[in-house]
Amino acid sequence: MRNRIWKLVVCLSLVVTLTGCKQSMGTEQVKDDLIEQSKVEKKETNGSNTENNVEKTEEEETYMNSKLNAQKEVDYSFQDVSVHDPSVIEVDGTYYVFGSHLAGAKSEDLINWELLSSGVNKTNTIIPDAPDELEEALTWGQTDTLWAPDVIQLADGRFYMYYCACRGDAPISALGIAVADQVEGPYEDLGIILKSGMEADTPSENGDTYDSTIHPNAVDPCVFFDKENRLWMVYGSYSGGIYILELNPETGFPLEKGYGKKLLGENHLRIEGPYIMYSKETDYYYMFLSYGGLDATGGYNIRVSRSKNPDGPYYDAAGNDMTLCKGPAGSFFDDTAAAQYGTKILGNIHFNYIEGETGKLRNGYVSPGHNSAIYDEKTNRYFLIFHTRFENRGEGHQVRVHQMYLNEDGWFVVSPYRYIGESIGSYTKEDVVGPYKYINQMQDISSIMKKSTEIWLNADYTISGRVTGTWELKKDNQIEITIKGESYKGIVTKQWDEYGKKNVMVFTALSEKGISILGSGIYALPENSK
C-alpha cells in the first residue's frame, strides 16, 4: 500500500511539472489532482479504459483527507507564560527567562513553563520590595516599572541581574546591577552603572551634553562572555543606537567610564533588544536585534548579523556593514532606512488553512521579537526564545521557543513552528517531495501579515505553483532552493503543525541577499515517520 501511495505522489508531481503550472496551487487544485490520480489508479486496478467522468467516491474522498490530515490527531500540551522580552539562562539543566516588569519563569524542557513572579511590587520574589530596593533607578527613570533585564553567573558563582528603568516616552533611563546567591533570587541592588537622558546642565556618561540622536538609551542589556572569557554588555533602544562596553569579569561593573562603542543606529531608528551569542561551530558572534514597534501593529521582527569580534564590526547576510545603519540627519523612526540592514529571520507569519484540514482558525505570529538565544551543548541544538503576539488576540503575548539551524553559509535559519522536543532526522528525496505552504518573509518592517501560498517540490527537482524554480537536497538535510535565479540555503526537517494537529515536513532557508523563506508541508506524515 505504501508503494502505491508513493506512486500516486510521484505521478502527481510529474503531472504538475509537465503541465507547466505557474499559478498558485489552490485548495481545489490539490484536492482535484489527488482525486484524478485516485481515478487513474482505480482504472488501472479494474482494467478499465473508460474516459467517462467519474464522481468522487467515498474511497477517493477518504484518500484525499488521509493526506491532508493525520489518521490520528497529533497533539501536545503546553504550559505557556507571558514574559515580555525574555532573556534566557540555563542553570543545572533548568532554563530560566527574565523579562520586563520583573517577570520570570522556568522550564526543564523549554516547553512547559512555570511563572516565578511578576510585577514591580512588594510581593515579587525575584527582587523583594522592589519599589524600595530599586528606588534610585525608578526615580531617575521617572517610572514605576522595569524594562528588559539580563542575568549572568560570574566566577564567584553568584548571579548578576542587569536591570533597567525607563520613562518610556523619552530616553531617560537608568541601568543597574542586582546580585543573588540563587538564580531565582532574592536579588539585592548594587547600584546604577549607566544613565541616559540627562538635562543640558548634567554631563552624560561620556562627559559631554547628552544628545538622544547619537547617545544610547540605557536599556535592554545583554551580558556575555567572549571566547577569551572577556565580559561584555551590549545594550540600547532607538535613540542613538546600539552600544557595547567591556565589563570587569569579577565585579560585573564597566571597566571604563562612558557609553562604550557604537555598533549601529542613530537618529531614533526603531532598533532595540540586542542579544549576542558566540558559536564555536562557526567562530562568529551573532547579534540579534528587534526592528519596528513592539505592539501588535508595530511590525516587530527579529534580525541577525555577525562578526569575528564581540565588539564588531557586524555584517548582515547581504554583506552590509551594520555601522552604516542609521537614520538620516533630522529623521525620526525612519523604517525604510533601517530595513536595508540586518538579516530578517522572523516576523509576522501566517500559514493559511487548506480546506479539509483540521484547524480552520489559525492565529499567526504578530510582532515576534526581543529575543534571546541559547546553545545546548549536550544535544547540539540552538534555540531562539522570544515573545510574540497573535492574530485576533490583541496585545496579549506569550513566550515561544523555536529551534534554529546553521545553513551551509553559517547563517541561522529559524524553524517555522514552535519547539516540541523534536530532533532532526535523516530525510530522502521521497520525504521532501510534495506540496507546501510557502512564505517569503521579505525585508520590510511592516504590520502586514506574510501569508502563505502553495508550491510543489516535484520529484524531478523542479518547483511549481505560486513560484517556480529548482531544489536540491544535500547532505545533513541541507536544502538549496533556487527561485528566479536567487539561491536560498537552509535545512529540511519534520515539525508539528499545531493547528493542523499533524506532523509535516518543513523547510527554512536564507538567500545571500538576506531574505528568509519558510515552507510547511500540506500533507500529514505517517505516524512512523522519523
Protein backbone atom coordinates (compact mmCIF):
# COMPACT_ATOMS: atom_id res chain seq x y z
CA MET A 1 0.00 0.00 0.00
CA ARG A 2 2.86 2.35 0.86
CA ASN A 3 4.37 1.83 -2.62
CA ARG A 4 1.00 2.51 -4.17
CA ILE A 5 0.62 5.79 -2.33
CA TRP A 6 4.15 6.85 -3.25
CA LYS A 7 3.36 6.02 -6.88
CA LEU A 8 0.44 8.44 -6.69
CA VAL A 9 2.62 11.17 -5.21
CA VAL A 10 5.30 10.75 -7.88
CA CYS A 11 2.70 10.69 -10.65
CA LEU A 12 1.05 13.81 -9.32
CA SER A 13 4.41 15.53 -9.10
CA LEU A 14 5.14 14.71 -12.74
CA VAL A 15 1.68 15.82 -13.84
CA VAL A 16 2.18 19.22 -12.23
CA THR A 17 5.63 19.56 -13.79
CA LEU A 18 4.58 18.53 -17.30
CA THR A 19 1.60 20.85 -17.36
CA GLY A 20 3.91 23.74 -16.52
CA CYS A 21 1.65 25.08 -13.81
CA LYS A 22 2.72 28.63 -12.94
CA GLN A 23 -0.25 29.70 -10.90
CA SER A 24 -0.93 29.22 -7.21
CA MET A 25 -1.99 25.67 -6.42
CA GLY A 26 -5.19 26.42 -4.58
CA THR A 27 -7.00 24.04 -2.28
CA GLU A 28 -9.20 22.70 -5.06
CA GLN A 29 -6.23 22.01 -7.32
CA VAL A 30 -4.50 20.00 -4.61
CA LYS A 31 -7.69 18.05 -3.98
CA ASP A 32 -8.57 17.56 -7.64
CA ASP A 33 -5.08 16.36 -8.50
CA LEU A 34 -5.29 13.76 -5.77
CA ILE A 35 -8.72 12.63 -6.90
CA GLU A 36 -7.64 12.37 -10.55
CA GLN A 37 -4.68 10.22 -9.57
CA SER A 38 -7.01 8.08 -7.47
CA LYS A 39 -9.24 7.60 -10.55
CA VAL A 40 -6.24 6.61 -12.66
CA GLU A 41 -5.18 4.11 -10.01
CA LYS A 42 -8.71 2.72 -9.85
CA LYS A 43 -8.86 2.29 -13.65
CA GLU A 44 -5.52 0.50 -13.66
CA THR A 45 -6.69 -1.82 -10.91
CA ASN A 46 -10.00 -2.63 -12.61
CA GLY A 47 -8.52 -2.83 -16.11
CA SER A 48 -10.95 -0.18 -17.31
CA ASN A 49 -10.17 2.17 -20.21
CA THR A 50 -13.29 4.29 -19.92
CA GLU A 51 -12.77 8.04 -20.24
CA ASN A 52 -16.13 8.99 -18.77
CA ASN A 53 -16.13 11.38 -15.82
CA VAL A 54 -16.48 9.61 -12.51
CA GLU A 55 -17.92 11.27 -9.45
CA LYS A 56 -15.86 11.33 -6.29
CA THR A 57 -16.25 8.08 -4.45
CA GLU A 58 -16.11 7.66 -0.71
CA GLU A 59 -12.79 5.88 -1.14
CA GLU A 60 -11.37 8.81 -3.08
CA GLU A 61 -12.55 11.32 -0.51
CA THR A 62 -11.06 9.19 2.25
CA TYR A 63 -7.74 9.01 0.43
CA MET A 64 -7.68 12.76 -0.11
CA ASN A 65 -8.43 13.52 3.52
CA SER A 66 -5.89 10.96 4.66
CA LYS A 67 -3.19 13.07 3.02
CA LEU A 68 -4.37 16.39 4.42
CA ASN A 69 -4.88 15.13 7.96
CA ALA A 70 -3.22 12.65 10.25
CA GLN A 71 -5.05 9.35 10.71
CA LYS A 72 -4.96 10.16 14.40
CA GLU A 73 -4.62 13.76 15.51
CA VAL A 74 -1.18 14.57 16.89
CA ASP A 75 -1.42 16.83 19.90
CA TYR A 76 0.83 18.16 22.63
CA SER A 77 0.12 20.03 25.83
CA PHE A 78 1.97 23.15 26.94
CA GLN A 79 2.27 25.35 29.97
CA ASP A 80 2.69 28.81 28.46
CA VAL A 81 3.67 32.02 30.23
CA SER A 82 3.64 35.73 29.48
CA VAL A 83 7.14 37.14 29.96
CA HIS A 84 7.84 40.13 27.74
CA ASP A 85 11.41 40.42 26.39
CA PRO A 86 12.53 37.00 27.71
CA SER A 87 16.25 36.67 28.41
CA VAL A 88 17.37 33.08 28.93
CA ILE A 89 19.92 31.47 31.24
CA GLU A 90 20.42 27.75 31.90
CA VAL A 91 21.35 26.59 35.40
CA ASP A 92 21.83 22.91 36.28
CA GLY A 93 19.56 21.71 33.50
CA THR A 94 16.77 24.20 34.14
CA TYR A 95 16.06 27.12 31.82
CA TYR A 96 15.09 30.49 33.25
CA VAL A 97 13.74 33.55 31.45
CA PHE A 98 13.62 37.03 32.94
CA GLY A 99 11.70 39.85 31.31
CA SER A 100 10.14 43.28 31.63
CA HIS A 101 8.07 44.20 34.68
CA LEU A 102 10.28 41.92 36.80
CA ALA A 103 8.65 38.79 35.37
CA GLY A 104 10.43 35.46 35.48
CA ALA A 105 9.69 31.84 34.58
CA LYS A 106 11.46 28.49 34.47
CA SER A 107 11.28 25.27 32.47
CA GLU A 108 13.08 21.95 32.35
CA ASP A 109 12.23 21.29 28.71
CA LEU A 110 11.62 24.69 27.04
CA ILE A 111 8.03 23.52 26.54
CA ASN A 112 6.29 23.74 29.90
CA TRP A 113 6.92 26.92 31.86
CA GLU A 114 6.25 27.88 35.46
CA LEU A 115 5.86 31.55 36.32
CA LEU A 116 8.13 32.59 39.19
CA SER A 117 6.87 36.09 39.81
CA SER A 118 5.77 39.26 38.04
CA GLY A 119 5.29 42.94 38.76
CA VAL A 120 7.43 45.61 40.38
CA ASN A 121 5.79 45.38 43.79
CA LYS A 122 6.43 44.39 47.38
CA THR A 123 5.42 40.76 46.84
CA ASN A 124 7.75 39.97 43.94
CA THR A 125 10.08 37.14 44.98
CA ILE A 126 12.83 37.92 42.45
CA ILE A 127 13.57 41.35 43.95
CA PRO A 128 11.54 41.59 47.16
CA ASP A 129 10.15 45.03 47.92
CA ALA A 130 11.38 46.16 44.50
CA PRO A 131 9.91 49.70 44.65
CA ASP A 132 12.11 50.48 47.65
CA GLU A 133 15.12 48.34 46.69
CA LEU A 134 15.38 50.00 43.26
CA GLU A 135 14.11 53.43 44.27
CA GLU A 136 17.11 55.28 42.83
CA ALA A 137 16.72 53.76 39.36
CA LEU A 138 12.93 54.12 39.31
CA THR A 139 13.20 57.74 40.38
CA TRP A 140 15.74 58.58 37.69
CA GLY A 141 13.70 56.75 35.05
CA GLN A 142 10.51 58.52 36.20
CA THR A 143 8.63 55.22 36.20
CA ASP A 144 7.16 52.59 38.49
CA THR A 145 8.22 49.57 36.44
CA LEU A 146 11.26 47.91 34.90
CA TRP A 147 12.17 47.05 31.35
CA ALA A 148 14.08 44.09 29.88
CA PRO A 149 16.82 42.66 32.14
CA ASP A 150 19.55 40.07 31.67
CA VAL A 151 21.03 37.60 34.17
CA ILE A 152 24.50 36.05 34.09
CA GLN A 153 26.54 33.95 36.50
CA LEU A 154 30.06 35.24 37.23
CA ALA A 155 33.14 33.45 38.53
CA ASP A 156 32.11 33.86 42.17
CA GLY A 157 29.09 31.64 41.50
CA ARG A 158 26.62 34.44 42.15
CA PHE A 159 24.00 35.67 39.71
CA TYR A 160 24.05 39.24 38.43
CA MET A 161 20.87 40.83 37.11
CA TYR A 162 21.30 43.83 34.83
CA TYR A 163 18.03 45.73 35.17
CA CYS A 164 16.81 48.98 33.63
CA ALA A 165 14.15 51.60 34.31
CA CYS A 166 12.95 53.98 31.58
CA ARG A 167 10.44 56.78 31.35
CA GLY A 168 9.24 55.39 28.03
CA ASP A 169 8.34 58.46 26.03
CA ALA A 170 11.89 59.76 26.37
CA PRO A 171 15.29 58.03 26.76
CA ILE A 172 15.53 58.94 30.43
CA SER A 173 16.83 55.66 31.80
CA ALA A 174 18.94 54.03 34.49
CA LEU A 175 20.72 50.70 34.10
CA GLY A 176 21.91 48.93 37.22
CA ILE A 177 23.03 45.64 38.74
CA ALA A 178 21.47 43.45 41.43
CA VAL A 179 23.04 40.26 42.80
CA ALA A 180 21.76 36.99 44.29
CA ASP A 181 23.16 33.69 45.51
CA GLN A 182 20.44 31.78 43.64
CA VAL A 183 19.22 32.45 40.11
CA GLU A 184 15.60 32.80 41.28
CA GLY A 185 16.60 35.45 43.80
CA PRO A 186 16.23 37.26 46.06
CA TYR A 187 18.37 39.91 44.34
CA GLU A 188 19.89 42.87 46.19
CA ASP A 189 20.74 46.12 44.45
CA LEU A 190 24.37 47.01 43.80
CA GLY A 191 23.54 50.34 42.22
CA ILE A 192 23.30 52.12 38.87
CA ILE A 193 26.10 51.77 36.31
CA LEU A 194 24.71 53.87 33.43
CA LYS A 195 22.24 56.69 32.95
CA SER A 196 20.80 58.39 29.89
CA GLY A 197 18.54 61.35 29.16
CA MET A 198 20.41 63.97 31.20
CA GLU A 199 19.41 67.61 31.03
CA ALA A 200 21.87 70.01 29.43
CA ASP A 201 23.31 71.06 32.80
CA THR A 202 24.21 67.46 33.70
CA PRO A 203 27.07 65.78 31.81
CA SER A 204 26.36 62.49 30.05
CA GLU A 205 28.31 59.32 30.81
CA ASN A 206 30.73 60.45 28.10
CA GLY A 207 31.26 63.77 29.88
CA ASP A 208 29.55 65.81 27.17
CA THR A 209 25.98 67.04 26.73
CA TYR A 210 23.56 64.17 26.26
CA ASP A 211 22.16 64.02 22.71
CA SER A 212 19.45 61.42 22.10
CA THR A 213 20.21 61.29 18.36
CA ILE A 214 23.74 59.95 18.92
CA HIS A 215 23.87 58.73 22.53
CA PRO A 216 22.20 55.48 23.65
CA ASN A 217 19.11 54.87 25.70
CA ALA A 218 20.49 52.93 28.69
CA VAL A 219 18.12 49.94 28.46
CA ASP A 220 17.92 46.38 27.07
CA PRO A 221 21.21 44.96 28.39
CA CYS A 222 22.69 41.66 27.25
CA VAL A 223 25.80 40.48 29.10
CA PHE A 224 28.02 37.73 27.71
CA PHE A 225 31.49 36.22 27.81
CA ASP A 226 33.51 36.10 24.60
CA LYS A 227 35.73 33.16 23.62
CA GLU A 228 38.63 34.76 25.52
CA ASN A 229 36.48 35.00 28.69
CA ARG A 230 36.23 38.77 28.48
CA LEU A 231 32.90 40.12 29.72
CA TRP A 232 30.81 42.48 27.59
CA MET A 233 27.48 44.26 27.74
CA VAL A 234 25.59 45.22 24.59
CA TYR A 235 22.58 47.49 25.09
CA GLY A 236 20.39 50.22 23.62
CA SER A 237 16.99 51.01 22.17
CA TYR A 238 16.00 53.54 19.49
CA SER A 239 17.65 56.96 20.20
CA GLY A 240 21.37 57.00 19.34
CA GLY A 241 21.64 53.29 18.66
CA ILE A 242 23.14 50.07 19.98
CA TYR A 243 26.32 50.25 22.07
CA ILE A 244 28.75 47.78 23.61
CA LEU A 245 31.16 48.17 26.51
CA GLU A 246 33.55 45.86 28.33
CA LEU A 247 32.89 44.86 31.94
CA ASN A 248 35.07 43.66 34.77
CA PRO A 249 34.61 39.85 34.76
CA GLU A 250 34.92 39.71 38.56
CA THR A 251 32.61 42.56 39.58
CA GLY A 252 30.38 42.93 36.53
CA PHE A 253 30.87 46.71 36.52
CA PRO A 254 32.20 48.67 33.49
CA LEU A 255 35.97 48.74 33.08
CA GLU A 256 35.89 52.33 31.86
CA LYS A 257 33.57 55.28 32.22
CA GLY A 258 31.36 56.17 29.29
CA TYR A 259 28.78 54.62 26.99
CA GLY A 260 31.28 52.44 25.16
CA LYS A 261 31.44 51.76 21.41
CA LYS A 262 28.58 52.27 18.99
CA LEU A 263 27.70 49.22 16.88
CA LEU A 264 24.85 50.72 14.83
CA GLY A 265 21.97 53.16 14.84
CA GLU A 266 21.41 56.88 15.11
CA ASN A 267 18.59 59.40 14.81
CA HIS A 268 15.96 57.28 16.55
CA LEU A 269 15.87 54.22 14.32
CA ARG A 270 13.41 51.68 15.74
CA ILE A 271 16.02 49.07 16.67
CA GLU A 272 16.39 47.55 20.13
CA GLY A 273 16.81 44.42 22.23
CA PRO A 274 20.37 43.44 21.22
CA TYR A 275 21.48 39.93 22.11
CA ILE A 276 24.90 38.48 21.25
CA MET A 277 25.74 34.76 21.17
CA TYR A 278 29.04 33.16 20.18
CA SER A 279 29.10 29.95 18.13
CA LYS A 280 32.13 27.67 18.38
CA GLU A 281 30.86 25.91 15.28
CA THR A 282 31.40 28.93 13.04
CA ASP A 283 33.67 31.10 15.23
CA TYR A 284 31.25 34.01 14.76
CA TYR A 285 29.49 36.28 17.21
CA TYR A 286 25.83 36.64 16.22
CA MET A 287 24.00 39.81 17.18
CA PHE A 288 20.21 39.54 17.24
CA LEU A 289 18.11 42.71 17.13
CA SER A 290 14.42 43.61 17.08
CA TYR A 291 13.25 46.15 14.50
CA GLY A 292 9.99 48.11 14.48
CA GLY A 293 7.45 48.64 17.24
CA LEU A 294 6.67 46.01 19.84
CA ASP A 295 2.87 46.37 19.79
CA ALA A 296 0.56 44.34 17.56
CA THR A 297 0.64 46.98 14.81
CA GLY A 298 4.33 47.82 15.13
CA GLY A 299 5.79 45.28 12.73
CA TYR A 300 8.29 43.96 15.29
CA ASN A 301 10.69 41.47 13.71
CA ILE A 302 13.91 39.66 14.60
CA ARG A 303 17.13 40.20 12.66
CA VAL A 304 20.69 38.96 12.89
CA SER A 305 24.18 40.00 11.85
CA ARG A 306 27.58 38.53 12.69
CA SER A 307 31.20 39.42 13.41
CA LYS A 308 34.50 37.74 14.19
CA ASN A 309 34.87 40.13 17.13
CA PRO A 310 32.49 40.72 20.05
CA ASP A 311 32.62 44.49 19.54
CA GLY A 312 32.21 44.34 15.77
CA PRO A 313 32.03 45.40 13.09
CA TYR A 314 28.94 43.29 12.37
CA TYR A 315 27.71 42.43 8.88
CA ASP A 316 24.41 41.04 7.65
CA ALA A 317 24.00 38.19 5.15
CA ALA A 318 24.00 40.65 2.24
CA GLY A 319 27.38 41.96 3.37
CA ASN A 320 26.09 45.28 4.68
CA ASP A 321 28.21 46.91 7.39
CA MET A 322 25.87 47.45 10.33
CA THR A 323 27.77 50.57 11.44
CA LEU A 324 26.19 52.27 8.42
CA CYS A 325 22.69 51.51 9.70
CA LYS A 326 21.46 54.91 10.86
CA GLY A 327 18.65 57.33 10.15
CA PRO A 328 19.28 60.44 8.05
CA ALA A 329 20.01 63.62 9.98
CA GLY A 330 16.80 65.10 11.35
CA SER A 331 14.78 61.92 10.75
CA PHE A 332 12.67 60.05 13.30
CA PHE A 333 11.62 56.38 13.13
CA ASP A 334 12.83 56.00 9.53
CA ASP A 335 11.92 52.34 8.98
CA THR A 336 12.89 52.50 5.31
CA ALA A 337 16.46 53.34 6.25
CA ALA A 338 16.58 50.67 8.95
CA ALA A 339 15.06 47.88 6.86
CA GLN A 340 18.01 47.88 4.46
CA TYR A 341 20.23 46.44 7.19
CA GLY A 342 20.10 43.26 9.22
CA THR A 343 19.02 39.79 8.12
CA LYS A 344 15.34 39.32 8.96
CA ILE A 345 14.76 35.79 10.27
CA LEU A 346 11.30 36.06 11.86
CA GLY A 347 8.39 38.48 11.53
CA ASN A 348 4.61 38.37 11.09
CA ILE A 349 3.79 34.96 9.58
CA HIS A 350 0.59 33.01 8.94
CA PHE A 351 0.32 29.56 7.35
CA ASN A 352 -3.05 29.52 5.61
CA TYR A 353 -5.76 26.94 6.20
CA ILE A 354 -6.33 24.46 3.36
CA GLU A 355 -9.95 23.37 3.00
CA GLY A 356 -10.39 19.94 4.52
CA GLU A 357 -7.59 20.34 7.04
CA THR A 358 -8.07 20.15 10.76
CA GLY A 359 -7.89 23.56 12.41
CA LYS A 360 -9.71 26.17 10.37
CA LEU A 361 -8.96 29.05 12.75
CA ARG A 362 -5.23 29.77 12.70
CA ASN A 363 -3.66 32.65 14.58
CA GLY A 364 -0.29 33.58 13.12
CA TYR A 365 2.56 35.31 14.91
CA VAL A 366 2.24 39.07 15.30
CA SER A 367 5.27 41.21 16.20
CA PRO A 368 7.56 38.43 17.43
CA GLY A 369 10.67 39.89 18.96
CA HIS A 370 13.03 40.92 21.73
CA ASN A 371 14.65 37.53 21.71
CA SER A 372 17.45 35.77 23.46
CA ALA A 373 19.20 32.63 22.24
CA ILE A 374 21.00 29.66 23.72
CA TYR A 375 23.04 26.68 22.57
CA ASP A 376 22.61 23.26 24.21
CA GLU A 377 25.98 21.51 24.01
CA LYS A 378 24.52 18.15 25.06
CA THR A 379 22.06 17.97 22.18
CA ASN A 380 23.85 20.29 19.73
CA ARG A 381 20.74 22.43 19.39
CA TYR A 382 20.34 26.18 19.03
CA PHE A 383 17.19 27.80 20.42
CA LEU A 384 15.57 31.16 19.78
CA ILE A 385 13.50 32.41 22.73
CA PHE A 386 11.19 35.37 22.17
CA HIS A 387 7.80 36.79 22.96
CA THR A 388 5.08 37.12 20.36
CA ARG A 389 1.58 38.43 19.99
CA PHE A 390 -1.02 36.63 17.90
CA GLU A 391 -3.67 37.37 15.31
CA ASN A 392 -7.07 38.21 16.76
CA ARG A 393 -5.71 38.32 20.32
CA GLY A 394 -4.84 41.98 20.77
CA GLU A 395 -1.80 42.81 22.87
CA GLY A 396 -1.71 39.51 24.76
CA HIS A 397 1.65 37.80 24.39
CA GLN A 398 3.45 34.58 25.31
CA VAL A 399 6.94 33.13 25.29
CA ARG A 400 7.80 30.97 22.30
CA VAL A 401 10.82 28.76 21.63
CA HIS A 402 11.91 27.74 18.12
CA GLN A 403 14.90 25.72 17.03
CA MET A 404 17.50 27.43 14.89
CA TYR A 405 19.84 25.77 12.43
CA LEU A 406 23.03 26.90 10.72
CA ASN A 407 22.87 26.74 6.94
CA GLU A 408 25.91 25.86 4.85
CA ASP A 409 26.97 29.52 4.77
CA GLY A 410 26.96 29.73 8.56
CA TRP A 411 23.77 31.78 8.96
CA PHE A 412 20.94 30.96 11.32
CA VAL A 413 17.58 29.93 9.90
CA VAL A 414 14.55 29.57 12.18
CA SER A 415 12.17 26.62 12.20
CA PRO A 416 8.62 27.57 11.14
CA TYR A 417 6.89 26.09 14.20
CA ARG A 418 7.39 26.09 17.96
CA TYR A 419 9.69 23.57 19.63
CA ILE A 420 8.06 20.42 21.00
CA GLY A 421 11.20 18.40 21.67
CA GLU A 422 11.76 17.33 18.07
CA SER A 423 15.10 16.11 16.78
CA ILE A 424 16.20 16.49 13.20
CA GLY A 425 16.17 13.17 11.36
CA SER A 426 17.68 11.90 8.13
CA TYR A 427 15.50 12.59 5.10
CA THR A 428 15.39 11.45 1.48
CA LYS A 429 14.04 13.00 -1.69
CA GLU A 430 10.89 10.93 -1.26
CA ASP A 431 10.31 12.51 2.15
CA VAL A 432 10.67 16.04 0.80
CA VAL A 433 8.62 15.83 -2.42
CA GLY A 434 5.12 17.27 -2.12
CA PRO A 435 3.02 20.41 -1.71
CA TYR A 436 4.00 23.12 0.77
CA LYS A 437 2.61 26.29 2.25
CA TYR A 438 5.26 28.83 1.28
CA ILE A 439 6.14 32.17 2.90
CA ASN A 440 8.66 34.77 1.76
CA GLN A 441 9.34 36.95 4.82
CA MET A 442 10.79 39.78 2.72
CA GLN A 443 12.90 42.53 4.30
CA ASP A 444 10.36 45.16 5.28
CA ILE A 445 9.27 46.50 8.66
CA SER A 446 5.50 46.22 8.40
CA SER A 447 2.41 45.18 10.30
CA ILE A 448 1.20 43.38 7.16
CA MET A 449 0.92 39.64 7.72
CA LYS A 450 3.07 37.47 5.46
CA LYS A 451 0.59 34.75 4.47
CA SER A 452 1.41 31.51 2.75
CA THR A 453 0.74 30.49 -0.83
CA GLU A 454 1.11 26.97 -2.23
CA ILE A 455 4.05 25.49 -4.09
CA TRP A 456 5.13 21.96 -5.02
CA LEU A 457 8.60 20.47 -4.66
CA ASN A 458 8.49 17.99 -7.53
CA ALA A 459 10.23 14.63 -7.87
CA ASP A 460 12.31 15.94 -10.80
CA TYR A 461 13.71 18.67 -8.52
CA THR A 462 11.64 21.46 -10.05
CA ILE A 463 9.31 23.79 -8.15
CA SER A 464 5.85 24.65 -9.40
CA GLY A 465 2.93 26.64 -8.06
CA ARG A 466 2.99 30.27 -6.99
CA VAL A 467 6.74 30.38 -7.58
CA THR A 468 8.85 28.28 -9.92
CA GLY A 469 12.42 27.12 -9.70
CA THR A 470 14.51 24.17 -8.61
CA TRP A 471 15.54 22.48 -5.40
CA GLU A 472 18.38 20.23 -4.27
CA LEU A 473 18.65 18.06 -1.17
CA LYS A 474 22.20 17.97 0.16
CA LYS A 475 23.98 16.12 2.94
CA ASP A 476 22.95 16.61 6.57
CA ASN A 477 19.43 17.65 5.48
CA GLN A 478 20.67 20.87 3.93
CA ILE A 479 18.49 22.12 1.10
CA GLU A 480 19.14 24.66 -1.62
CA ILE A 481 16.12 26.25 -3.26
CA THR A 482 16.53 28.43 -6.34
CA ILE A 483 13.76 30.86 -7.28
CA LYS A 484 14.19 33.44 -10.06
CA GLY A 485 17.91 32.83 -10.03
CA GLU A 486 18.20 33.53 -6.31
CA SER A 487 19.60 30.72 -4.16
CA TYR A 488 18.17 30.05 -0.68
CA LYS A 489 20.14 27.75 1.61
CA GLY A 490 18.71 26.07 4.67
CA ILE A 491 17.50 22.79 6.11
CA VAL A 492 14.57 20.40 5.90
CA THR A 493 13.15 18.66 8.93
CA LYS A 494 9.92 17.38 10.43
CA GLN A 495 7.80 19.53 12.73
CA TRP A 496 4.44 19.54 14.41
CA ASP A 497 1.76 21.72 12.80
CA GLU A 498 0.00 22.97 15.92
CA TYR A 499 -3.27 23.94 14.26
CA GLY A 500 -3.36 21.06 11.78
CA LYS A 501 -2.65 18.54 14.57
CA LYS A 502 -0.22 16.70 12.34
CA ASN A 503 3.48 16.21 11.69
CA VAL A 504 4.69 17.71 8.42
CA MET A 505 7.90 18.27 6.52
CA VAL A 506 9.17 21.83 6.74
CA PHE A 507 11.99 23.87 5.28
CA THR A 508 13.62 27.12 6.35
CA ALA A 509 16.20 28.85 4.17
CA LEU A 510 18.01 32.13 3.60
CA SER A 511 19.30 33.84 0.46
CA GLU A 512 22.61 35.64 0.07
CA LYS A 513 20.58 38.86 -0.01
CA GLY A 514 19.27 38.04 3.44
CA ILE A 515 15.72 37.04 2.50
CA SER A 516 14.16 34.26 4.58
CA ILE A 517 11.70 31.74 3.19
CA LEU A 518 9.66 29.15 5.09
CA GLY A 519 7.76 26.08 3.98
CA SER A 520 5.24 23.90 5.79
CA GLY A 521 4.14 20.62 4.23
CA ILE A 522 0.47 20.32 3.38
CA TYR A 523 0.33 16.54 3.70
CA ALA A 524 0.41 14.82 7.08
CA LEU A 525 3.33 12.49 7.63
CA PRO A 526 2.72 8.86 8.59
CA GLU A 527 2.82 8.10 12.29
CA ASN A 528 6.00 6.07 11.96
CA SER A 529 7.94 8.77 10.08
CA LYS A 530 11.16 9.99 11.69
